[in-house]
């Protein structure tokens, strides 16, 4: 038996089929420009989910209520880090960078927070910054050197790396990260390491 109520069965293909085709095209395309190619999906799924009000089973209504509550609480807990948000079924905001990167996680929104963190917790320490984003670190008062412009044995102190840069798996940066210890995170888009 189909999970779609009988009155909605004729409409289901018109809502679900375009969503499936567009998602398949976005996932198999050669261009990888983030989730912007799949941003339409929640709209189709919201229309499909609206059909749940026609389901007369009490268990179905309770399940829908629990799911709506789960999404609401998860979204509220993401404050103020909405850009790298993903719900707990996907790993939560702190795990988004493991599956998505670039514009899905970082538009430079955490540079101000990074400047505050460096000023408050690490005043006067040498900072090495590998940042891949659209912001300009110096605008926020971040004074840092680029660890990729010097030999690795000269990089000591704080190594601050945007998670989008980590996802690139750059052969110049990977050994620096491997020999460092993570000591903090800023806004789920920047990781702070300490390098001996």
Foldseek 3Di string as FASTA:
>chain_A
DDPQPPVCVVVVCVLPVVLVVQVVCQVPDPDPPDCPSNPCNVVSVVVVVVSLVVDPDPVSVVVVVVVVVQVVVLCVVLPPLNQQADGVVVPGSLCSLVPTDDRSHAAPPQLLVVLVCCVPPPPPWAEAEAEDHNDDNVVNVDDYHHCLVDQLVVDFFKYKYFSNVVVVVDPSCVVSVVQWAWDDDTSSTMTITGHD
